[in-house]
Amino acid sequence: MLPAMEDDSTHLPASRKAAIVALVADAGQVTVQALAERLQVSADTIRRDLDHLDGEGLVMRTRGGAVDPTRMPRMDPGLNTRIQVHPDAKEQIGATAASLVTDGDVLIINAGTTALAVARHLREHRGLTIATNNLRLATEISPKCFRDLYLFGGDVRHAAQATIGPVAFPVSLGGRDMDIRCDLALVTVGGVSTDGGYSTSNLAEAAMMREMLGVAGKVAILADSSKLGRRLFAQITPLDAVDYFITDKEPPADLAAALRKGHVEVLWAPVASAAS
């Protein structure tokens, strides 16, 4: 437990937020409750401060607290680590994405923790056909919602729990690939920016995601607000090449204007403060 601070200046918003950043940086990871006791304010106040600081990139919000972003693994952090980052935003995005799905649809869903949130929110649907490169999806999705579930083959990225390979299925062992088509592709990305479009950090992954978009009647891109304004190594597609963009906060003015110009429908809803 962190000892209570005696400096009354920490009750001022700016001073308190500076103290939070310092405490998170010093400890590496701190809970909401510990910060509330240390700074002698309510847990709700700490949650609001953490949400604000996360938006500025000064801390990384997790369920029940925050971590120092400089201590997060830089090379493809494992899925279990990424599940803890922005969990409420991902659940909101997942629910919004699931609202686009109609019973009987054919879906492509890619890898990632936000995609797992989509899968959880499909539980009331029926008769879906789903193709995915997400190795964890089969354990997250309700078996009642799908008729057929297919996994794209390829190289396995163990940390990401994903396969990377062609968006196709062989007709028979050693035979030609079967052409496929889906009603809706739900694709999560790592970066969204006016100059870089939708992007990710892995070249092979970007190529696979571009293929997914190419076989879809409609495309929805999913990204929490921490991805907005980021341009990563490999562009997947320009901003105007999709039908929907789903996030948890209203995009910045320049990005919102670019999406409107590209006739992309933006869907977002505010996220309630995370529980401690």
Protein backbone atom coordinates (compact mmCIF):
# COMPACT_ATOMS: atom_id res chain seq x y z
CA MET A 1 0.00 0.00 0.00
CA LEU A 2 1.25 3.48 -0.86
CA PRO A 3 1.44 5.92 2.08
CA ALA A 4 -0.88 8.92 2.02
CA MET A 5 0.59 12.16 0.66
CA GLU A 6 0.56 15.13 2.98
CA ASP A 7 0.86 17.84 0.32
CA ASP A 8 -2.57 19.54 -0.04
CA SER A 9 -1.60 20.70 -3.55
CA THR A 10 -2.32 17.21 -4.86
CA HIS A 11 -6.05 17.96 -4.46
CA LEU A 12 -5.71 20.47 -7.33
CA PRO A 13 -6.46 18.71 -10.65
CA ALA A 14 -3.19 19.60 -12.41
CA SER A 15 -1.03 18.76 -9.39
CA ARG A 16 -2.94 15.56 -8.75
CA LYS A 17 -2.50 14.37 -12.33
CA ALA A 18 1.21 15.15 -12.22
CA ALA A 19 1.45 13.13 -9.01
CA ILE A 20 -0.36 10.21 -10.63
CA VAL A 21 2.04 10.18 -13.58
CA ALA A 22 4.99 10.23 -11.19
CA LEU A 23 3.59 7.42 -9.04
CA VAL A 24 2.81 5.21 -12.04
CA ALA A 25 6.26 5.85 -13.52
CA ASP A 26 7.92 5.00 -10.20
CA ALA A 27 5.94 1.83 -9.49
CA GLY A 28 5.41 0.68 -13.07
CA GLN A 29 1.82 -0.38 -12.30
CA VAL A 30 -0.64 1.05 -9.77
CA THR A 31 -4.27 0.29 -8.93
CA VAL A 32 -7.09 2.83 -8.71
CA GLN A 33 -7.58 2.04 -5.03
CA ALA A 34 -3.91 2.58 -4.17
CA LEU A 35 -3.86 5.93 -5.96
CA ALA A 36 -7.09 7.03 -4.26
CA GLU A 37 -5.66 6.21 -0.83
CA ARG A 38 -2.31 7.81 -1.60
CA LEU A 39 -3.83 11.04 -2.93
CA GLN A 40 -6.82 11.02 -0.53
CA VAL A 41 -9.47 11.45 -3.22
CA SER A 42 -12.30 9.23 -4.44
CA ALA A 43 -11.78 6.26 -6.74
CA ASP A 44 -14.08 7.92 -9.31
CA THR A 45 -11.81 10.98 -9.36
CA ILE A 46 -8.80 8.75 -9.98
CA ARG A 47 -10.60 6.90 -12.80
CA ARG A 48 -11.42 10.18 -14.53
CA ASP A 49 -7.83 11.36 -14.14
CA LEU A 50 -6.48 8.09 -15.54
CA ASP A 51 -8.81 8.27 -18.53
CA HIS A 52 -7.57 11.81 -19.23
CA LEU A 53 -3.91 10.88 -18.77
CA ASP A 54 -4.34 7.81 -20.96
CA GLY A 55 -5.73 10.02 -23.73
CA GLU A 56 -2.57 12.13 -23.50
CA GLY A 57 -0.36 9.04 -23.60
CA LEU A 58 1.11 9.70 -20.15
CA VAL A 59 -0.18 6.45 -18.63
CA MET A 60 -1.75 3.32 -20.10
CA ARG A 61 -5.17 2.55 -18.65
CA THR A 62 -5.83 -1.04 -17.59
CA ARG A 63 -8.76 -2.68 -15.84
CA GLY A 64 -8.51 -1.46 -12.27
CA GLY A 65 -5.53 0.85 -12.65
CA ALA A 66 -2.76 2.01 -14.97
CA VAL A 67 0.74 1.08 -16.10
CA ASP A 68 3.72 3.09 -17.23
CA PRO A 69 3.59 3.07 -21.06
CA THR A 70 7.39 3.13 -21.29
CA ARG A 71 7.51 -0.27 -19.57
CA MET A 72 5.07 -1.99 -21.92
CA PRO A 73 6.73 -4.48 -24.27
CA ARG A 74 7.52 -2.82 -27.57
CA MET A 75 7.71 -5.94 -29.71
CA ASP A 76 4.27 -7.51 -30.18
CA PRO A 77 3.06 -7.77 -26.55
CA GLY A 78 1.18 -10.97 -25.83
CA LEU A 79 -2.58 -11.20 -26.17
CA ASN A 80 -3.11 -11.59 -22.43
CA THR A 81 -1.22 -8.32 -21.87
CA ARG A 82 -3.17 -6.43 -24.53
CA ILE A 83 -6.51 -7.69 -23.21
CA GLN A 84 -5.91 -5.56 -20.10
CA VAL A 85 -5.43 -2.35 -22.10
CA HIS A 86 -8.56 -0.19 -22.70
CA PRO A 87 -10.93 -3.09 -21.91
CA ASP A 88 -14.08 -0.96 -21.58
CA ALA A 89 -13.44 0.83 -24.87
CA LYS A 90 -13.00 -2.51 -26.62
CA GLU A 91 -16.24 -3.86 -25.18
CA GLN A 92 -18.11 -0.77 -26.38
CA ILE A 93 -16.59 -1.09 -29.84
CA GLY A 94 -17.42 -4.79 -29.88
CA ALA A 95 -21.05 -4.11 -29.06
CA THR A 96 -21.31 -1.43 -31.73
CA ALA A 97 -19.70 -3.66 -34.36
CA ALA A 98 -22.04 -6.54 -33.50
CA SER A 99 -25.01 -4.24 -34.11
CA LEU A 100 -24.07 -4.15 -37.82
CA VAL A 101 -24.44 -7.93 -38.10
CA THR A 102 -27.64 -9.60 -39.32
CA ASP A 103 -28.51 -13.22 -38.61
CA GLY A 104 -27.23 -15.46 -41.40
CA ASP A 105 -24.42 -13.09 -42.42
CA VAL A 106 -21.03 -14.28 -43.63
CA LEU A 107 -18.31 -12.49 -41.64
CA ILE A 108 -14.57 -12.14 -41.73
CA ILE A 109 -13.07 -11.16 -38.38
CA ASN A 110 -9.34 -10.63 -37.91
CA ALA A 111 -7.07 -11.15 -34.91
CA GLY A 112 -6.76 -8.90 -31.88
CA THR A 113 -8.38 -8.22 -28.53
CA THR A 114 -11.03 -5.86 -29.92
CA ALA A 115 -12.07 -8.62 -32.32
CA LEU A 116 -12.57 -10.90 -29.32
CA ALA A 117 -14.92 -8.31 -27.85
CA VAL A 118 -16.92 -8.42 -31.10
CA ALA A 119 -17.15 -12.20 -30.81
CA ARG A 120 -18.55 -11.97 -27.28
CA HIS A 121 -21.27 -9.57 -28.46
CA LEU A 122 -22.43 -11.89 -31.25
CA ARG A 123 -23.91 -14.36 -28.77
CA GLU A 124 -27.54 -13.41 -29.57
CA HIS A 125 -27.07 -13.83 -33.34
CA ARG A 126 -27.84 -17.04 -35.20
CA GLY A 127 -26.76 -18.79 -38.39
CA LEU A 128 -23.52 -16.88 -38.94
CA THR A 129 -20.67 -18.11 -41.10
CA ILE A 130 -17.36 -16.79 -39.76
CA ALA A 131 -13.87 -16.94 -41.23
CA THR A 132 -11.00 -15.69 -39.08
CA ASN A 133 -7.26 -15.80 -38.43
CA ASN A 134 -7.93 -15.32 -34.70
CA LEU A 135 -6.88 -18.48 -32.84
CA ARG A 136 -8.62 -17.37 -29.63
CA LEU A 137 -11.95 -16.54 -31.22
CA ALA A 138 -13.31 -20.10 -31.08
CA THR A 139 -13.06 -20.08 -27.27
CA GLU A 140 -14.68 -16.64 -26.91
CA ILE A 141 -17.65 -16.95 -29.25
CA SER A 142 -20.91 -18.70 -28.41
CA PRO A 143 -21.35 -21.92 -30.44
CA LYS A 144 -25.05 -21.05 -30.74
CA CYS A 145 -24.40 -18.02 -32.95
CA PHE A 146 -22.59 -19.63 -35.88
CA ARG A 147 -23.34 -22.33 -38.40
CA ASP A 148 -19.77 -22.66 -39.67
CA LEU A 149 -16.48 -21.34 -38.28
CA TYR A 150 -13.37 -21.42 -40.48
CA LEU A 151 -9.76 -20.65 -39.59
CA PHE A 152 -7.37 -19.26 -42.21
CA GLY A 153 -4.15 -21.24 -42.39
CA GLY A 154 -0.61 -19.87 -42.42
CA ASP A 155 2.21 -19.06 -40.06
CA VAL A 156 1.26 -18.86 -36.38
CA ARG A 157 2.15 -15.73 -34.44
CA HIS A 158 2.00 -17.21 -30.95
CA ALA A 159 2.08 -13.96 -28.97
CA ALA A 160 -0.79 -12.53 -31.01
CA GLN A 161 -2.67 -15.85 -31.14
CA ALA A 162 -3.15 -15.39 -34.88
CA THR A 163 -2.32 -16.97 -38.22
CA ILE A 164 -0.79 -15.01 -41.08
CA GLY A 165 -1.39 -16.32 -44.58
CA PRO A 166 -3.65 -16.14 -47.63
CA VAL A 167 -7.33 -15.25 -47.27
CA ALA A 168 -8.42 -18.46 -49.01
CA PHE A 169 -9.17 -22.13 -48.44
CA PRO A 170 -7.94 -25.02 -50.60
CA VAL A 171 -10.60 -27.04 -52.38
CA SER A 172 -8.64 -30.18 -51.55
CA LEU A 173 -5.23 -31.01 -50.16
CA GLY A 174 -2.74 -29.66 -52.70
CA GLY A 175 -5.55 -28.30 -54.88
CA ARG A 176 -6.40 -24.79 -56.03
CA ASP A 177 -7.83 -22.25 -53.59
CA MET A 178 -11.57 -21.67 -53.33
CA ASP A 179 -12.69 -18.10 -53.92
CA ILE A 180 -14.57 -16.70 -50.94
CA ARG A 181 -16.81 -13.71 -50.31
CA CYS A 182 -18.29 -12.24 -47.12
CA ASP A 183 -21.06 -9.79 -46.32
CA LEU A 184 -19.05 -7.86 -43.75
CA ALA A 185 -15.39 -7.71 -42.71
CA LEU A 186 -14.74 -6.56 -39.15
CA VAL A 187 -11.08 -5.58 -39.05
CA THR A 188 -9.18 -4.16 -36.08
CA VAL A 189 -6.17 -1.93 -36.77
CA GLY A 190 -3.29 -0.41 -34.81
CA GLY A 191 -3.26 3.08 -36.30
CA VAL A 192 -5.67 5.54 -37.94
CA SER A 193 -4.46 8.86 -39.35
CA THR A 194 -5.31 11.38 -42.03
CA ASP A 195 -2.04 10.83 -43.90
CA GLY A 196 -1.52 7.10 -43.28
CA GLY A 197 -5.08 5.77 -43.45
CA TYR A 198 -5.46 2.50 -41.52
CA SER A 199 -2.18 0.86 -40.56
CA THR A 200 -0.50 -1.86 -38.56
CA SER A 201 3.05 -2.62 -37.45
CA ASN A 202 3.51 -5.94 -39.29
CA LEU A 203 3.92 -6.08 -43.07
CA ALA A 204 2.52 -9.59 -43.55
CA GLU A 205 -0.42 -8.81 -41.30
CA ALA A 206 -1.18 -5.67 -43.33
CA ALA A 207 -1.21 -7.70 -46.54
CA MET A 208 -3.61 -10.24 -45.05
CA MET A 209 -5.92 -7.54 -43.72
CA ARG A 210 -5.97 -5.88 -47.14
CA GLU A 211 -7.05 -9.21 -48.64
CA MET A 212 -9.83 -9.46 -46.06
CA LEU A 213 -11.15 -6.06 -47.12
CA GLY A 214 -10.98 -7.07 -50.77
CA VAL A 215 -13.42 -10.00 -50.40
CA ALA A 216 -16.00 -8.10 -48.34
CA GLY A 217 -19.24 -6.52 -49.48
CA LYS A 218 -18.99 -4.06 -46.57
CA VAL A 219 -16.00 -3.18 -44.38
CA ALA A 220 -15.94 -1.93 -40.79
CA ILE A 221 -12.62 -0.81 -39.29
CA LEU A 222 -12.36 -1.02 -35.50
CA ALA A 223 -9.90 0.96 -33.35
CA ASP A 224 -10.05 2.39 -29.84
CA SER A 225 -9.27 6.07 -29.40
CA SER A 226 -5.64 5.44 -28.38
CA LYS A 227 -5.01 4.46 -32.03
CA LEU A 228 -6.30 7.75 -33.46
CA GLY A 229 -3.64 9.95 -35.02
CA ARG A 230 -1.12 7.06 -35.13
CA ARG A 231 0.57 5.98 -38.35
CA LEU A 232 2.31 2.61 -38.10
CA PHE A 233 4.77 0.89 -40.42
CA ALA A 234 2.45 -0.70 -42.98
CA GLN A 235 -0.63 0.90 -44.50
CA ILE A 236 -3.59 -1.46 -44.90
CA THR A 237 -5.78 0.86 -46.95
CA PRO A 238 -6.63 4.59 -47.27
CA LEU A 239 -9.29 6.15 -45.05
CA ASP A 240 -11.96 6.29 -47.76
CA ALA A 241 -11.72 2.59 -48.74
CA VAL A 242 -14.11 1.36 -46.02
CA ASP A 243 -17.77 1.78 -45.11
CA TYR A 244 -17.68 2.15 -41.31
CA PHE A 245 -15.18 3.31 -38.71
CA ILE A 246 -16.01 2.25 -35.15
CA THR A 247 -14.30 3.75 -32.11
CA ASP A 248 -15.06 4.77 -28.51
CA LYS A 249 -14.59 8.55 -28.72
CA GLU A 250 -15.34 11.23 -31.25
CA PRO A 251 -12.29 11.47 -33.57
CA PRO A 252 -10.22 14.67 -33.63
CA ALA A 253 -11.54 17.35 -35.97
CA ASP A 254 -9.02 16.76 -38.78
CA LEU A 255 -9.57 13.00 -38.80
CA ALA A 256 -13.35 13.39 -38.56
CA ALA A 257 -13.30 15.76 -41.54
CA ALA A 258 -11.20 13.33 -43.59
CA LEU A 259 -13.56 10.46 -42.79
CA ARG A 260 -16.58 12.56 -43.78
CA LYS A 261 -14.88 13.51 -47.03
CA GLY A 262 -14.29 9.82 -47.71
CA HIS A 263 -17.98 9.03 -47.02
CA VAL A 264 -17.06 6.77 -44.10
CA GLU A 265 -19.78 6.37 -41.49
CA VAL A 266 -18.29 6.93 -38.02
CA LEU A 267 -19.90 5.04 -35.14
CA TRP A 268 -18.86 5.81 -31.58
CA ALA A 269 -20.29 5.96 -28.09
CA PRO A 270 -18.82 7.29 -24.81
CA VAL A 271 -17.41 4.68 -22.45
CA ALA A 272 -18.34 4.71 -18.76
CA SER A 273 -15.51 4.88 -16.24
CA ALA A 274 -13.90 1.52 -15.62
CA ALA A 275 -14.56 -0.24 -12.34
CA SER A 276 -11.70 -0.57 -9.89
